[in-house]
Amino acid sequence: MIQLTPIDQTVVGQELIQMGEERGMEKGELIGNIQMAQRFLRRRITTKKKLLQKSTDELRAMLRKLESALSV
């Protein structure tokens, strides 16, 4: 019988896990900044659930737009 190594115990698996964690942290930071900017601008706060459905690029674009509104 072939014994397979669990993915999280391989170098590649550990690297993939780390990449996922980093992306998740970046996305969480973007979401927090978006919601904070919306509060400062007294806009309706987009739910975390809706923001999590967006790509990182979409979140960055949203944040840039909000930041430019804050700079005015």
PDB file of N, CA and C in Angstrom:
ATOM      1  N   MET A   1       0.842  -1.177   0.000  1.00  0.00           N
ATOM      2  CA  MET A   1       0.000   0.000   0.000  1.00  0.00           C
ATOM      3  C   MET A   1       0.887   1.240   0.000  1.00  0.00           C
ATOM      4  N   ILE A   2       0.530   2.211  -0.808  1.00  0.00           N
ATOM      5  CA  ILE A   2       1.311   3.445  -0.912  1.00  0.00           C
ATOM      6  C   ILE A   2       0.910   4.382   0.219  1.00  0.00           C
ATOM      7  N   GLN A   3       1.909   4.927   0.885  1.00  0.00           N
ATOM      8  CA  GLN A   3       1.689   5.890   1.969  1.00  0.00           C
ATOM      9  C   GLN A   3       1.965   7.291   1.421  1.00  0.00           C
ATOM     10  N   LEU A   4       0.967   8.156   1.448  1.00  0.00           N
ATOM     11  CA  LEU A   4       1.127   9.519   0.954  1.00  0.00           C
ATOM     12  C   LEU A   4       1.373  10.468   2.113  1.00  0.00           C
ATOM     13  N   THR A   5       2.277  11.409   1.882  1.00  0.00           N
ATOM     14  CA  THR A   5       2.567  12.432   2.896  1.00  0.00           C
ATOM     15  C   THR A   5       1.476  13.484   2.851  1.00  0.00           C
ATOM     16  N   PRO A   6       0.918  13.839   4.004  1.00  0.00           N
ATOM     17  CA  PRO A   6      -0.092  14.911   4.014  1.00  0.00           C
ATOM     18  C   PRO A   6       0.501  16.194   3.422  1.00  0.00           C
ATOM     19  N   ILE A   7      -0.312  16.908   2.650  1.00  0.00           N
ATOM     20  CA  ILE A   7       0.164  18.100   1.933  1.00  0.00           C
ATOM     21  C   ILE A   7       0.776  19.126   2.869  1.00  0.00           C
ATOM     22  N   ASP A   8       0.214  19.295   4.065  1.00  0.00           N
ATOM     23  CA  ASP A   8       0.733  20.311   4.977  1.00  0.00           C
ATOM     24  C   ASP A   8       2.075  19.937   5.585  1.00  0.00           C
ATOM     25  N   GLN A   9       2.516  18.723   5.326  1.00  0.00           N
ATOM     26  CA  GLN A   9       3.826  18.297   5.829  1.00  0.00           C
ATOM     27  C   GLN A   9       4.892  18.315   4.741  1.00  0.00           C
ATOM     28  N   THR A  10       4.546  18.827   3.569  1.00  0.00           N
ATOM     29  CA  THR A  10       5.517  18.939   2.491  1.00  0.00           C
ATOM     30  C   THR A  10       5.948  20.396   2.362  1.00  0.00           C
ATOM     31  N   VAL A  11       7.101  20.626   1.765  1.00  0.00           N
ATOM     32  CA  VAL A  11       7.606  21.986   1.576  1.00  0.00           C
ATOM     33  C   VAL A  11       6.637  22.786   0.707  1.00  0.00           C
ATOM     34  N   VAL A  12       6.185  22.185  -0.374  1.00  0.00           N
ATOM     35  CA  VAL A  12       5.258  22.869  -1.280  1.00  0.00           C
ATOM     36  C   VAL A  12       3.960  23.184  -0.543  1.00  0.00           C
ATOM     37  N   GLY A  13       3.464  22.248   0.222  1.00  0.00           N
ATOM     38  CA  GLY A  13       2.236  22.466   0.976  1.00  0.00           C
ATOM     39  C   GLY A  13       2.375  23.603   1.968  1.00  0.00           C
ATOM     40  N   GLN A  14       3.492  23.647   2.661  1.00  0.00           N
ATOM     41  CA  GLN A  14       3.725  24.717   3.632  1.00  0.00           C
ATOM     42  C   GLN A  14       3.823  26.078   2.939  1.00  0.00           C
ATOM     43  N   GLU A  15       4.462  26.106   1.770  1.00  0.00           N
ATOM     44  CA  GLU A  15       4.564  27.360   1.016  1.00  0.00           C
ATOM     45  C   GLU A  15       3.193  27.828   0.549  1.00  0.00           C
ATOM     46  N   LEU A  16       2.357  26.898   0.099  1.00  0.00           N
ATOM     47  CA  LEU A  16       1.007  27.253  -0.341  1.00  0.00           C
ATOM     48  C   LEU A  16       0.167  27.772   0.821  1.00  0.00           C
ATOM     49  N   ILE A  17       0.305  27.148   1.964  1.00  0.00           N
ATOM     50  CA  ILE A  17      -0.415  27.601   3.153  1.00  0.00           C
ATOM     51  C   ILE A  17       0.017  29.017   3.513  1.00  0.00           C
ATOM     52  N   GLN A  18       1.325  29.274   3.490  1.00  0.00           N
ATOM     53  CA  GLN A  18       1.830  30.601   3.819  1.00  0.00           C
ATOM     54  C   GLN A  18       1.324  31.646   2.819  1.00  0.00           C
ATOM     55  N   MET A  19       1.321  31.291   1.536  1.00  0.00           N
ATOM     56  CA  MET A  19       0.816  32.216   0.518  1.00  0.00           C
ATOM     57  C   MET A  19      -0.651  32.552   0.772  1.00  0.00           C
ATOM     58  N   GLY A  20      -1.427  31.548   1.113  1.00  0.00           N
ATOM     59  CA  GLY A  20      -2.841  31.760   1.397  1.00  0.00           C
ATOM     60  C   GLY A  20      -3.045  32.650   2.604  1.00  0.00           C
ATOM     61  N   GLU A  21      -2.237  32.428   3.634  1.00  0.00           N
ATOM     62  CA  GLU A  21      -2.341  33.260   4.837  1.00  0.00           C
ATOM     63  C   GLU A  21      -1.997  34.715   4.528  1.00  0.00           C
ATOM     64  N   GLU A  22      -0.943  34.925   3.738  1.00  0.00           N
ATOM     65  CA  GLU A  22      -0.528  36.288   3.387  1.00  0.00           C
ATOM     66  C   GLU A  22      -1.608  36.992   2.569  1.00  0.00           C
ATOM     67  N   ARG A  23      -2.194  36.275   1.619  1.00  0.00           N
ATOM     68  CA  ARG A  23      -3.265  36.865   0.805  1.00  0.00           C
ATOM     69  C   ARG A  23      -4.473  37.196   1.676  1.00  0.00           C
ATOM     70  N   GLY A  24      -4.777  36.302   2.603  1.00  0.00           N
ATOM     71  CA  GLY A  24      -5.904  36.547   3.502  1.00  0.00           C
ATOM     72  C   GLY A  24      -5.677  37.760   4.378  1.00  0.00           C
ATOM     73  N   MET A  25      -4.448  37.911   4.881  1.00  0.00           N
ATOM     74  CA  MET A  25      -4.141  39.072   5.714  1.00  0.00           C
ATOM     75  C   MET A  25      -4.227  40.360   4.900  1.00  0.00           C
ATOM     76  N   GLU A  26      -3.727  40.321   3.669  1.00  0.00           N
ATOM     77  CA  GLU A  26      -3.778  41.514   2.813  1.00  0.00           C
ATOM     78  C   GLU A  26      -5.230  41.895   2.533  1.00  0.00           C
ATOM     79  N   LYS A  27      -6.032  40.904   2.219  1.00  0.00           N
ATOM     80  CA  LYS A  27      -7.440  41.159   1.917  1.00  0.00           C
ATOM     81  C   LYS A  27      -8.149  41.715   3.154  1.00  0.00           C
ATOM     82  N   GLY A  28      -7.849  41.165   4.320  1.00  0.00           N
ATOM     83  CA  GLY A  28      -8.451  41.652   5.555  1.00  0.00           C
ATOM     84  C   GLY A  28      -8.069  43.089   5.855  1.00  0.00           C
ATOM     85  N   GLU A  29      -6.816  43.423   5.598  1.00  0.00           N
ATOM     86  CA  GLU A  29      -6.350  44.800   5.816  1.00  0.00           C
ATOM     87  C   GLU A  29      -7.056  45.763   4.865  1.00  0.00           C
ATOM     88  N   LEU A  30      -7.183  45.362   3.596  1.00  0.00           N
ATOM     89  CA  LEU A  30      -7.877  46.202   2.617  1.00  0.00           C
ATOM     90  C   LEU A  30      -9.334  46.423   3.033  1.00  0.00           C
ATOM     91  N   ILE A  31      -9.988  45.364   3.462  1.00  0.00           N
ATOM     92  CA  ILE A  31     -11.393  45.454   3.876  1.00  0.00           C
ATOM     93  C   ILE A  31     -11.534  46.403   5.065  1.00  0.00           C
ATOM     94  N   GLY A  32     -10.645  46.280   6.038  1.00  0.00           N
ATOM     95  CA  GLY A  32     -10.683  47.167   7.197  1.00  0.00           C
ATOM     96  C   GLY A  32     -10.490  48.620   6.806  1.00  0.00           C
ATOM     97  N   ASN A  33      -9.555  48.878   5.897  1.00  0.00           N
ATOM     98  CA  ASN A  33      -9.307  50.250   5.439  1.00  0.00           C
ATOM     99  C   ASN A  33     -10.478  50.801   4.643  1.00  0.00           C
ATOM    100  N   ILE A  34     -11.096  49.963   3.829  1.00  0.00           N
ATOM    101  CA  ILE A  34     -12.261  50.389   3.050  1.00  0.00           C
ATOM    102  C   ILE A  34     -13.391  50.788   3.991  1.00  0.00           C
ATOM    103  N   GLN A  35     -13.663  49.936   4.963  1.00  0.00           N
ATOM    104  CA  GLN A  35     -14.760  50.232   5.883  1.00  0.00           C
ATOM    105  C   GLN A  35     -14.468  51.476   6.727  1.00  0.00           C
ATOM    106  N   MET A  36     -13.225  51.672   7.102  1.00  0.00           N
ATOM    107  CA  MET A  36     -12.868  52.861   7.872  1.00  0.00           C
ATOM    108  C   MET A  36     -13.050  54.123   7.019  1.00  0.00           C
ATOM    109  N   ALA A  37     -12.608  54.066   5.773  1.00  0.00           N
ATOM    110  CA  ALA A  37     -12.769  55.221   4.875  1.00  0.00           C
ATOM    111  C   ALA A  37     -14.250  55.513   4.658  1.00  0.00           C
ATOM    112  N   GLN A  38     -15.050  54.473   4.522  1.00  0.00           N
ATOM    113  CA  GLN A  38     -16.486  54.672   4.355  1.00  0.00           C
ATOM    114  C   GLN A  38     -17.080  55.354   5.589  1.00  0.00           C
ATOM    115  N   ARG A  39     -16.613  54.974   6.764  1.00  0.00           N
ATOM    116  CA  ARG A  39     -17.096  55.621   7.994  1.00  0.00           C
ATOM    117  C   ARG A  39     -16.720  57.104   8.010  1.00  0.00           C
ATOM    118  N   PHE A  40     -15.451  57.402   7.697  1.00  0.00           N
ATOM    119  CA  PHE A  40     -14.989  58.799   7.686  1.00  0.00           C
ATOM    120  C   PHE A  40     -15.788  59.640   6.699  1.00  0.00           C
ATOM    121  N   LEU A  41     -16.133  59.025   5.569  1.00  0.00           N
ATOM    122  CA  LEU A  41     -16.882  59.744   4.536  1.00  0.00           C
ATOM    123  C   LEU A  41     -18.394  59.697   4.786  1.00  0.00           C
ATOM    124  N   ARG A  42     -18.774  59.072   5.882  1.00  0.00           N
ATOM    125  CA  ARG A  42     -20.190  58.922   6.257  1.00  0.00           C
ATOM    126  C   ARG A  42     -21.000  58.251   5.151  1.00  0.00           C
ATOM    127  N   ARG A  43     -20.392  57.216   4.570  1.00  0.00           N
ATOM    128  CA  ARG A  43     -21.073  56.436   3.540  1.00  0.00           C
ATOM    129  C   ARG A  43     -21.567  55.135   4.153  1.00  0.00           C
ATOM    130  N   ARG A  44     -22.474  54.500   3.449  1.00  0.00           N
ATOM    131  CA  ARG A  44     -22.957  53.211   3.925  1.00  0.00           C
ATOM    132  C   ARG A  44     -21.791  52.219   3.929  1.00  0.00           C
ATOM    133  N   ILE A  45     -21.660  51.474   5.003  1.00  0.00           N
ATOM    134  CA  ILE A  45     -20.555  50.520   5.146  1.00  0.00           C
ATOM    135  C   ILE A  45     -20.896  49.247   4.368  1.00  0.00           C
ATOM    136  N   THR A  46     -20.013  48.873   3.461  1.00  0.00           N
ATOM    137  CA  THR A  46     -20.166  47.624   2.718  1.00  0.00           C
ATOM    138  C   THR A  46     -19.867  46.476   3.671  1.00  0.00           C
ATOM    139  N   THR A  47     -20.698  45.458   3.670  1.00  0.00           N
ATOM    140  CA  THR A  47     -20.506  44.341   4.598  1.00  0.00           C
ATOM    141  C   THR A  47     -19.232  43.569   4.259  1.00  0.00           C
ATOM    142  N   LYS A  48     -18.674  42.971   5.283  1.00  0.00           N
ATOM    143  CA  LYS A  48     -17.476  42.157   5.083  1.00  0.00           C
ATOM    144  C   LYS A  48     -17.775  41.008   4.129  1.00  0.00           C
ATOM    145  N   LYS A  49     -18.975  40.449   4.227  1.00  0.00           N
ATOM    146  CA  LYS A  49     -19.366  39.344   3.349  1.00  0.00           C
ATOM    147  C   LYS A  49     -19.289  39.756   1.878  1.00  0.00           C
ATOM    148  N   LYS A  50     -19.805  40.963   1.557  1.00  0.00           N
ATOM    149  CA  LYS A  50     -19.764  41.454   0.174  1.00  0.00           C
ATOM    150  C   LYS A  50     -18.336  41.736  -0.269  1.00  0.00           C
ATOM    151  N   LEU A  51     -17.550  42.318   0.637  1.00  0.00           N
ATOM    152  CA  LEU A  51     -16.171  42.656   0.283  1.00  0.00           C
ATOM    153  C   LEU A  51     -15.323  41.406   0.080  1.00  0.00           C
ATOM    154  N   LEU A  52     -15.579  40.360   0.846  1.00  0.00           N
ATOM    155  CA  LEU A  52     -14.814  39.120   0.700  1.00  0.00           C
ATOM    156  C   LEU A  52     -15.038  38.466  -0.659  1.00  0.00           C
ATOM    157  N   GLN A  53     -16.141  38.774  -1.302  1.00  0.00           N
ATOM    158  CA  GLN A  53     -16.435  38.206  -2.619  1.00  0.00           C
ATOM    159  C   GLN A  53     -15.629  38.883  -3.726  1.00  0.00           C
ATOM    160  N   LYS A  54     -15.048  40.029  -3.427  1.00  0.00           N
ATOM    161  CA  LYS A  54     -14.288  40.782  -4.423  1.00  0.00           C
ATOM    162  C   LYS A  54     -12.831  40.301  -4.464  1.00  0.00           C
ATOM    163  N   SER A  55     -12.212  40.490  -5.595  1.00  0.00           N
ATOM    164  CA  SER A  55     -10.797  40.146  -5.730  1.00  0.00           C
ATOM    165  C   SER A  55      -9.948  41.211  -5.028  1.00  0.00           C
ATOM    166  N   THR A  56      -8.708  40.882  -4.786  1.00  0.00           N
ATOM    167  CA  THR A  56      -7.788  41.829  -4.159  1.00  0.00           C
ATOM    168  C   THR A  56      -7.643  43.075  -5.027  1.00  0.00           C
ATOM    169  N   ASP A  57      -7.589  42.905  -6.345  1.00  0.00           N
ATOM    170  CA  ASP A  57      -7.475  44.059  -7.244  1.00  0.00           C
ATOM    171  C   ASP A  57      -8.706  44.960  -7.160  1.00  0.00           C
ATOM    172  N   GLU A  58      -9.886  44.357  -7.062  1.00  0.00           N
ATOM    173  CA  GLU A  58     -11.109  45.143  -6.931  1.00  0.00           C
ATOM    174  C   GLU A  58     -11.110  45.920  -5.608  1.00  0.00           C
ATOM    175  N   LEU A  59     -10.639  45.274  -4.548  1.00  0.00           N
ATOM    176  CA  LEU A  59     -10.578  45.942  -3.246  1.00  0.00           C
ATOM    177  C   LEU A  59      -9.591  47.111  -3.277  1.00  0.00           C
ATOM    178  N   ARG A  60      -8.441  46.902  -3.926  1.00  0.00           N
ATOM    179  CA  ARG A  60      -7.450  47.979  -4.036  1.00  0.00           C
ATOM    180  C   ARG A  60      -8.042  49.175  -4.786  1.00  0.00           C
ATOM    181  N   ALA A  61      -8.753  48.902  -5.874  1.00  0.00           N
ATOM    182  CA  ALA A  61      -9.359  49.970  -6.668  1.00  0.00           C
ATOM    183  C   ALA A  61     -10.406  50.720  -5.842  1.00  0.00           C
ATOM    184  N   MET A  62     -11.192  49.972  -5.087  1.00  0.00           N
ATOM    185  CA  MET A  62     -12.201  50.588  -4.230  1.00  0.00           C
ATOM    186  C   MET A  62     -11.554  51.496  -3.200  1.00  0.00           C
ATOM    187  N   LEU A  63     -10.479  51.019  -2.589  1.00  0.00           N
ATOM    188  CA  LEU A  63      -9.787  51.796  -1.572  1.00  0.00           C
ATOM    189  C   LEU A  63      -9.158  53.050  -2.174  1.00  0.00           C
ATOM    190  N   ARG A  64      -8.561  52.935  -3.360  1.00  0.00           N
ATOM    191  CA  ARG A  64      -7.972  54.108  -4.021  1.00  0.00           C
ATOM    192  C   ARG A  64      -9.028  55.188  -4.251  1.00  0.00           C
ATOM    193  N   LYS A  65     -10.206  54.767  -4.695  1.00  0.00           N
ATOM    194  CA  LYS A  65     -11.299  55.698  -4.943  1.00  0.00           C
ATOM    195  C   LYS A  65     -11.706  56.399  -3.643  1.00  0.00           C
ATOM    196  N   LEU A  66     -11.846  55.639  -2.578  1.00  0.00           N
ATOM    197  CA  LEU A  66     -12.223  56.213  -1.276  1.00  0.00           C
ATOM    198  C   LEU A  66     -11.147  57.153  -0.759  1.00  0.00           C
ATOM    199  N   GLU A  67      -9.877  56.747  -0.916  1.00  0.00           N
ATOM    200  CA  GLU A  67      -8.775  57.591  -0.454  1.00  0.00           C
ATOM    201  C   GLU A  67      -8.728  58.913  -1.208  1.00  0.00           C
ATOM    202  N   SER A  68      -9.033  58.871  -2.507  1.00  0.00           N
ATOM    203  CA  SER A  68      -9.033  60.117  -3.269  1.00  0.00           C
ATOM    204  C   SER A  68     -10.184  61.019  -2.806  1.00  0.00           C
ATOM    205  N   ALA A  69     -11.305  60.438  -2.427  1.00  0.00           N
ATOM    206  CA  ALA A  69     -12.421  61.227  -1.898  1.00  0.00           C
ATOM    207  C   ALA A  69     -12.048  61.850  -0.542  1.00  0.00           C
ATOM    208  N   LEU A  70     -11.235  61.159   0.232  1.00  0.00           N
ATOM    209  CA  LEU A  70     -10.791  61.689   1.529  1.00  0.00           C
ATOM    210  C   LEU A  70      -9.798  62.827   1.355  1.00  0.00           C
ATOM    211  N   SER A  71      -9.069  62.846   0.266  1.00  0.00           N
ATOM    212  CA  SER A  71      -8.033  63.848   0.033  1.00  0.00           C
ATOM    213  C   SER A  71      -8.590  65.185  -0.416  1.00  0.00           C
ATOM    214  N   VAL A  72      -9.831  65.204  -0.842  1.00  0.00           N
ATOM    215  CA  VAL A  72     -10.434  66.435  -1.383  1.00  0.00           C
ATOM    216  C   VAL A  72     -10.623  67.478  -0.331  1.00  0.00           C
TER     217      VAL A  72
END
